[in-house]
Amino acid sequence: MTFPSFSPRNAVVILTLLLAFGAAPAVAQTGKVQGNVKSADGQPLAGITVTLLHAGKTDIRKMETDEKGSFVFDDLKRGVYIATVAAEGTKRVTCPGVRIVRGLTRELHLTLMPADAVEPSTCEAPES
């Protein structure tokens, strides 16, 4: 079997193209989770800590909801995450199986129920 020969100029062009296209997927390997936390009566909850754990890893991220009860986790590696929210006087909620796919945003809508409520706190994570 014979291989074609390349001039140094062609080799540089090919190498440049490989590096350019090889670097692009690394940027697109991340995704995002955004959502909101509200009370049982539908009011946004500000200052609530949302925890995101990359399942099977030690990558833990935390952030507080803003005045609209919203949160955004950017630049997440692909994989499956577990989101949890707990606030004093409410039932804890866990959202297992939040799958992050490159370039996509996952939505989470969390409703915290009072600790003495019969109903559990809920997590809605519609598929993108």
N, C-alpha and C. Protein backbone atom coordinates (compact mmCIF):
# COMPACT_ATOMS: atom_id res chain seq x y z
N MET A 1 0.84 -1.16 0.00
CA MET A 1 0.00 0.00 0.00
C MET A 1 0.89 1.23 0.00
N THR A 2 0.57 2.19 -0.81
CA THR A 2 1.34 3.43 -0.86
C THR A 2 0.49 4.56 -0.31
N PHE A 3 1.15 5.51 0.31
CA PHE A 3 0.46 6.66 0.86
C PHE A 3 0.82 7.88 0.04
N PRO A 4 -0.13 8.80 -0.13
CA PRO A 4 0.18 9.99 -0.90
C PRO A 4 1.20 10.84 -0.14
N SER A 5 2.00 11.53 -0.88
CA SER A 5 2.98 12.41 -0.23
C SER A 5 2.36 13.80 -0.09
N PHE A 6 2.75 14.49 0.96
CA PHE A 6 2.25 15.84 1.22
C PHE A 6 3.41 16.80 1.23
N SER A 7 3.18 17.95 0.64
CA SER A 7 4.20 18.99 0.72
C SER A 7 4.10 19.59 2.13
N PRO A 8 5.14 20.25 2.59
CA PRO A 8 5.08 20.88 3.91
C PRO A 8 3.92 21.86 4.02
N ARG A 9 3.62 22.57 2.94
CA ARG A 9 2.51 23.53 2.95
C ARG A 9 1.19 22.81 3.15
N ASN A 10 0.97 21.72 2.42
CA ASN A 10 -0.27 20.95 2.58
C ASN A 10 -0.38 20.36 3.98
N ALA A 11 0.72 19.91 4.53
CA ALA A 11 0.71 19.35 5.88
C ALA A 11 0.31 20.41 6.89
N VAL A 12 0.79 21.64 6.73
CA VAL A 12 0.42 22.72 7.64
C VAL A 12 -1.07 23.05 7.53
N VAL A 13 -1.57 23.08 6.29
CA VAL A 13 -3.00 23.36 6.08
C VAL A 13 -3.85 22.27 6.73
N ILE A 14 -3.48 21.02 6.52
CA ILE A 14 -4.25 19.91 7.10
C ILE A 14 -4.19 19.95 8.62
N LEU A 15 -3.01 20.19 9.17
CA LEU A 15 -2.86 20.27 10.62
C LEU A 15 -3.70 21.41 11.19
N THR A 16 -3.68 22.56 10.53
CA THR A 16 -4.48 23.71 10.98
C THR A 16 -5.96 23.38 10.98
N LEU A 17 -6.43 22.73 9.92
CA LEU A 17 -7.84 22.35 9.86
C LEU A 17 -8.20 21.34 10.94
N LEU A 18 -7.35 20.38 11.18
CA LEU A 18 -7.61 19.39 12.23
C LEU A 18 -7.68 20.03 13.59
N LEU A 19 -6.76 20.96 13.87
CA LEU A 19 -6.77 21.64 15.15
C LEU A 19 -8.00 22.52 15.30
N ALA A 20 -8.38 23.21 14.25
CA ALA A 20 -9.54 24.09 14.30
C ALA A 20 -10.82 23.31 14.54
N PHE A 21 -11.00 22.21 13.81
CA PHE A 21 -12.22 21.43 13.98
C PHE A 21 -12.16 20.56 15.23
N GLY A 22 -10.98 20.19 15.65
CA GLY A 22 -10.84 19.39 16.86
C GLY A 22 -11.11 20.21 18.11
N ALA A 23 -10.84 21.52 18.08
CA ALA A 23 -11.07 22.36 19.25
C ALA A 23 -12.53 22.76 19.39
N ALA A 24 -13.25 22.82 18.31
CA ALA A 24 -14.64 23.27 18.36
C ALA A 24 -15.52 22.40 19.24
N PRO A 25 -15.45 21.08 19.16
CA PRO A 25 -16.31 20.28 20.01
C PRO A 25 -16.06 20.48 21.50
N ALA A 26 -14.84 20.82 21.91
CA ALA A 26 -14.55 21.01 23.32
C ALA A 26 -15.39 22.15 23.89
N VAL A 27 -15.63 23.19 23.12
CA VAL A 27 -16.44 24.29 23.56
C VAL A 27 -17.90 23.86 23.69
N ALA A 28 -18.36 23.04 22.78
CA ALA A 28 -19.76 22.64 22.74
C ALA A 28 -20.05 21.43 23.63
N GLN A 29 -19.10 20.99 24.44
CA GLN A 29 -19.30 19.83 25.28
C GLN A 29 -20.09 20.16 26.54
N THR A 30 -20.45 21.40 26.73
CA THR A 30 -21.14 21.79 27.95
C THR A 30 -22.61 22.09 27.70
N GLY A 31 -23.35 22.05 28.77
CA GLY A 31 -24.77 22.37 28.72
C GLY A 31 -25.12 23.27 29.90
N LYS A 32 -26.41 23.45 30.11
CA LYS A 32 -26.85 24.40 31.12
C LYS A 32 -28.13 23.89 31.78
N VAL A 33 -28.30 24.22 33.06
CA VAL A 33 -29.55 23.96 33.78
C VAL A 33 -30.05 25.30 34.28
N GLN A 34 -31.30 25.57 33.99
CA GLN A 34 -31.92 26.78 34.52
C GLN A 34 -33.31 26.44 35.01
N GLY A 35 -33.80 27.24 35.92
CA GLY A 35 -35.14 26.96 36.41
C GLY A 35 -35.56 27.94 37.48
N ASN A 36 -36.56 27.51 38.26
CA ASN A 36 -37.07 28.37 39.31
C ASN A 36 -37.56 27.54 40.48
N VAL A 37 -37.64 28.21 41.62
CA VAL A 37 -38.13 27.59 42.85
C VAL A 37 -39.29 28.46 43.33
N LYS A 38 -40.41 27.80 43.63
CA LYS A 38 -41.57 28.55 44.10
C LYS A 38 -42.18 27.85 45.31
N SER A 39 -43.01 28.59 45.99
CA SER A 39 -43.71 28.06 47.16
C SER A 39 -44.95 27.29 46.72
N ALA A 40 -45.60 26.65 47.66
CA ALA A 40 -46.81 25.88 47.36
C ALA A 40 -47.90 26.74 46.72
N ASP A 41 -47.93 28.03 47.05
CA ASP A 41 -48.95 28.92 46.47
C ASP A 41 -48.47 29.61 45.19
N GLY A 42 -47.32 29.16 44.67
CA GLY A 42 -46.85 29.66 43.37
C GLY A 42 -45.99 30.90 43.43
N GLN A 43 -45.64 31.36 44.62
CA GLN A 43 -44.82 32.57 44.76
C GLN A 43 -43.34 32.21 44.59
N PRO A 44 -42.57 33.05 43.86
CA PRO A 44 -41.13 32.77 43.70
C PRO A 44 -40.42 32.87 45.05
N LEU A 45 -39.45 31.99 45.26
CA LEU A 45 -38.68 31.98 46.50
C LEU A 45 -37.26 32.44 46.23
N ALA A 46 -36.91 33.59 46.79
CA ALA A 46 -35.56 34.15 46.63
C ALA A 46 -34.66 33.64 47.75
N GLY A 47 -33.36 33.55 47.45
CA GLY A 47 -32.38 33.17 48.46
C GLY A 47 -32.38 31.70 48.84
N ILE A 48 -32.97 30.87 48.02
CA ILE A 48 -33.01 29.42 48.28
C ILE A 48 -31.79 28.79 47.60
N THR A 49 -31.07 27.95 48.33
CA THR A 49 -29.88 27.29 47.76
C THR A 49 -30.28 26.07 46.96
N VAL A 50 -29.83 26.06 45.70
CA VAL A 50 -30.01 24.92 44.80
C VAL A 50 -28.65 24.25 44.68
N THR A 51 -28.61 22.95 44.91
CA THR A 51 -27.37 22.19 44.82
C THR A 51 -27.44 21.25 43.63
N LEU A 52 -26.37 21.22 42.85
CA LEU A 52 -26.29 20.37 41.67
C LEU A 52 -25.06 19.48 41.81
N LEU A 53 -25.27 18.17 41.78
CA LEU A 53 -24.19 17.20 41.93
C LEU A 53 -24.08 16.38 40.65
N HIS A 54 -22.89 16.34 40.08
CA HIS A 54 -22.63 15.51 38.91
C HIS A 54 -22.59 14.07 39.43
N ALA A 55 -23.58 13.27 39.08
CA ALA A 55 -23.74 11.93 39.62
C ALA A 55 -22.47 11.11 39.48
N GLY A 56 -22.05 10.49 40.58
CA GLY A 56 -20.86 9.66 40.58
C GLY A 56 -19.56 10.44 40.61
N LYS A 57 -19.63 11.75 40.72
CA LYS A 57 -18.43 12.60 40.72
C LYS A 57 -18.42 13.44 42.00
N THR A 58 -17.37 14.20 42.15
CA THR A 58 -17.30 15.09 43.31
C THR A 58 -17.59 16.54 42.90
N ASP A 59 -18.03 16.75 41.68
CA ASP A 59 -18.33 18.09 41.18
C ASP A 59 -19.68 18.55 41.75
N ILE A 60 -19.62 19.42 42.76
CA ILE A 60 -20.83 19.94 43.40
C ILE A 60 -20.86 21.44 43.18
N ARG A 61 -22.00 21.92 42.72
CA ARG A 61 -22.19 23.36 42.55
C ARG A 61 -23.42 23.80 43.34
N LYS A 62 -23.31 25.00 43.90
CA LYS A 62 -24.42 25.57 44.67
C LYS A 62 -24.63 27.00 44.23
N MET A 63 -25.88 27.41 44.26
CA MET A 63 -26.19 28.81 44.01
C MET A 63 -27.53 29.14 44.64
N GLU A 64 -27.73 30.42 44.91
CA GLU A 64 -28.99 30.88 45.48
C GLU A 64 -29.88 31.44 44.39
N THR A 65 -31.18 31.26 44.58
CA THR A 65 -32.13 31.81 43.63
C THR A 65 -32.16 33.33 43.76
N ASP A 66 -32.46 34.00 42.66
CA ASP A 66 -32.55 35.45 42.66
C ASP A 66 -33.92 35.89 43.16
N GLU A 67 -34.22 37.18 43.05
CA GLU A 67 -35.49 37.72 43.56
C GLU A 67 -36.72 37.14 42.85
N LYS A 68 -36.52 36.55 41.67
CA LYS A 68 -37.63 35.93 40.93
C LYS A 68 -37.68 34.42 41.17
N GLY A 69 -36.83 33.93 42.08
CA GLY A 69 -36.78 32.51 42.36
C GLY A 69 -36.04 31.72 41.29
N SER A 70 -35.31 32.41 40.42
CA SER A 70 -34.63 31.77 39.29
C SER A 70 -33.18 31.43 39.60
N PHE A 71 -32.67 30.45 38.88
CA PHE A 71 -31.26 30.06 38.98
C PHE A 71 -30.78 29.58 37.63
N VAL A 72 -29.46 29.66 37.40
CA VAL A 72 -28.84 29.18 36.17
C VAL A 72 -27.48 28.60 36.51
N PHE A 73 -27.25 27.35 36.08
CA PHE A 73 -25.94 26.73 36.17
C PHE A 73 -25.41 26.63 34.74
N ASP A 74 -24.35 27.37 34.44
CA ASP A 74 -23.75 27.36 33.10
C ASP A 74 -22.55 26.42 33.05
N ASP A 75 -22.12 26.14 31.85
CA ASP A 75 -20.86 25.44 31.60
C ASP A 75 -20.77 24.10 32.34
N LEU A 76 -21.83 23.30 32.23
CA LEU A 76 -21.86 21.98 32.87
C LEU A 76 -21.35 20.92 31.91
N LYS A 77 -20.53 20.04 32.43
CA LYS A 77 -20.05 18.92 31.62
C LYS A 77 -21.20 17.98 31.33
N ARG A 78 -21.09 17.29 30.20
CA ARG A 78 -22.12 16.31 29.84
C ARG A 78 -22.22 15.25 30.93
N GLY A 79 -23.41 14.72 31.10
CA GLY A 79 -23.61 13.66 32.08
C GLY A 79 -24.93 13.81 32.79
N VAL A 80 -25.07 13.05 33.86
CA VAL A 80 -26.30 13.04 34.64
C VAL A 80 -26.02 13.75 35.97
N TYR A 81 -26.95 14.61 36.36
CA TYR A 81 -26.83 15.39 37.58
C TYR A 81 -28.02 15.12 38.50
N ILE A 82 -27.83 15.45 39.77
CA ILE A 82 -28.89 15.37 40.76
C ILE A 82 -29.02 16.77 41.35
N ALA A 83 -30.21 17.33 41.27
CA ALA A 83 -30.47 18.65 41.84
C ALA A 83 -31.25 18.47 43.13
N THR A 84 -30.88 19.23 44.16
CA THR A 84 -31.61 19.18 45.42
C THR A 84 -31.85 20.59 45.93
N VAL A 85 -32.98 20.74 46.60
CA VAL A 85 -33.33 22.01 47.21
C VAL A 85 -33.98 21.70 48.56
N ALA A 86 -33.52 22.40 49.57
CA ALA A 86 -34.10 22.26 50.90
C ALA A 86 -34.06 23.63 51.55
N ALA A 87 -35.14 23.99 52.18
CA ALA A 87 -35.19 25.26 52.89
C ALA A 87 -35.89 25.02 54.22
N GLU A 88 -35.51 25.78 55.19
CA GLU A 88 -36.11 25.63 56.52
C GLU A 88 -37.63 25.76 56.44
N GLY A 89 -38.32 24.83 57.06
CA GLY A 89 -39.77 24.86 57.10
C GLY A 89 -40.44 24.24 55.88
N THR A 90 -39.63 23.65 54.97
CA THR A 90 -40.20 23.01 53.78
C THR A 90 -39.69 21.58 53.65
N LYS A 91 -40.37 20.83 52.83
CA LYS A 91 -39.92 19.48 52.50
C LYS A 91 -38.84 19.56 51.43
N ARG A 92 -37.80 18.79 51.61
CA ARG A 92 -36.69 18.72 50.65
C ARG A 92 -37.20 18.13 49.34
N VAL A 93 -36.62 18.57 48.23
CA VAL A 93 -36.95 18.00 46.92
C VAL A 93 -35.65 17.61 46.22
N THR A 94 -35.68 16.44 45.59
CA THR A 94 -34.54 15.94 44.84
C THR A 94 -34.98 15.63 43.42
N CYS A 95 -34.20 16.08 42.47
CA CYS A 95 -34.45 15.82 41.05
C CYS A 95 -33.32 14.93 40.53
N PRO A 96 -33.51 13.61 40.55
CA PRO A 96 -32.46 12.73 40.03
C PRO A 96 -32.55 12.64 38.51
N GLY A 97 -31.46 12.25 37.90
CA GLY A 97 -31.48 11.97 36.47
C GLY A 97 -31.62 13.17 35.57
N VAL A 98 -31.06 14.32 35.96
CA VAL A 98 -31.08 15.50 35.11
C VAL A 98 -29.94 15.35 34.10
N ARG A 99 -30.29 14.97 32.89
CA ARG A 99 -29.27 14.67 31.87
C ARG A 99 -28.87 15.95 31.13
N ILE A 100 -27.55 16.19 31.14
CA ILE A 100 -26.99 17.35 30.44
C ILE A 100 -26.38 16.88 29.12
N VAL A 101 -26.83 17.50 28.06
CA VAL A 101 -26.35 17.19 26.72
C VAL A 101 -25.71 18.46 26.18
N ARG A 102 -24.64 18.30 25.45
CA ARG A 102 -23.90 19.46 24.96
C ARG A 102 -24.79 20.43 24.19
N GLY A 103 -24.59 21.69 24.50
CA GLY A 103 -25.26 22.75 23.78
C GLY A 103 -26.73 22.94 24.11
N LEU A 104 -27.28 22.15 25.04
CA LEU A 104 -28.70 22.27 25.37
C LEU A 104 -28.90 22.80 26.78
N THR A 105 -30.08 23.34 27.01
CA THR A 105 -30.45 23.84 28.33
C THR A 105 -31.58 22.99 28.88
N ARG A 106 -31.43 22.52 30.11
CA ARG A 106 -32.48 21.76 30.80
C ARG A 106 -33.21 22.71 31.73
N GLU A 107 -34.51 22.56 31.80
CA GLU A 107 -35.35 23.37 32.68
C GLU A 107 -35.74 22.55 33.90
N LEU A 108 -35.69 23.18 35.07
CA LEU A 108 -36.18 22.56 36.30
C LEU A 108 -37.15 23.52 36.96
N HIS A 109 -38.30 23.01 37.33
CA HIS A 109 -39.30 23.81 38.04
C HIS A 109 -39.59 23.10 39.35
N LEU A 110 -39.18 23.75 40.45
CA LEU A 110 -39.27 23.14 41.77
C LEU A 110 -40.32 23.85 42.62
N THR A 111 -41.16 23.08 43.27
CA THR A 111 -42.16 23.63 44.18
C THR A 111 -41.91 23.06 45.56
N LEU A 112 -41.67 23.96 46.53
CA LEU A 112 -41.41 23.53 47.89
C LEU A 112 -42.69 23.60 48.72
N MET A 113 -43.02 22.47 49.31
CA MET A 113 -44.20 22.37 50.16
C MET A 113 -43.80 22.58 51.62
N PRO A 114 -44.72 23.12 52.43
CA PRO A 114 -44.43 23.27 53.86
C PRO A 114 -44.11 21.91 54.48
N ALA A 115 -43.28 21.93 55.52
CA ALA A 115 -42.86 20.69 56.17
C ALA A 115 -44.03 19.87 56.69
N ASP A 116 -45.12 20.53 57.06
CA ASP A 116 -46.26 19.80 57.61
C ASP A 116 -47.33 19.45 56.55
N ALA A 117 -47.05 19.72 55.30
CA ALA A 117 -48.00 19.43 54.22
C ALA A 117 -48.06 17.92 53.95
N VAL A 118 -49.19 17.47 53.48
CA VAL A 118 -49.35 16.06 53.10
C VAL A 118 -48.63 15.80 51.79
N GLU A 119 -48.73 16.73 50.85
CA GLU A 119 -48.12 16.58 49.53
C GLU A 119 -46.62 16.77 49.61
N PRO A 120 -45.87 16.05 48.76
CA PRO A 120 -44.42 16.25 48.73
C PRO A 120 -44.04 17.48 47.90
N SER A 121 -42.84 17.97 48.13
CA SER A 121 -42.29 18.99 47.24
C SER A 121 -42.08 18.32 45.88
N THR A 122 -42.12 19.10 44.81
CA THR A 122 -42.04 18.50 43.48
C THR A 122 -40.95 19.11 42.62
N CYS A 123 -40.52 18.33 41.65
CA CYS A 123 -39.55 18.77 40.67
C CYS A 123 -40.08 18.37 39.30
N GLU A 124 -40.25 19.33 38.44
CA GLU A 124 -40.63 19.06 37.06
C GLU A 124 -39.42 19.35 36.19
N ALA A 125 -39.05 18.37 35.38
CA ALA A 125 -37.88 18.52 34.50
C ALA A 125 -38.28 18.05 33.11
N PRO A 126 -39.03 18.90 32.38
CA PRO A 126 -39.46 18.50 31.04
C PRO A 126 -38.26 18.24 30.14
N GLU A 127 -38.38 17.23 29.30
CA GLU A 127 -37.30 16.91 28.33
C GLU A 127 -37.21 18.02 27.31
N SER A 128 -35.98 18.39 26.99
CA SER A 128 -35.74 19.44 25.99
C SER A 128 -35.91 18.90 24.61
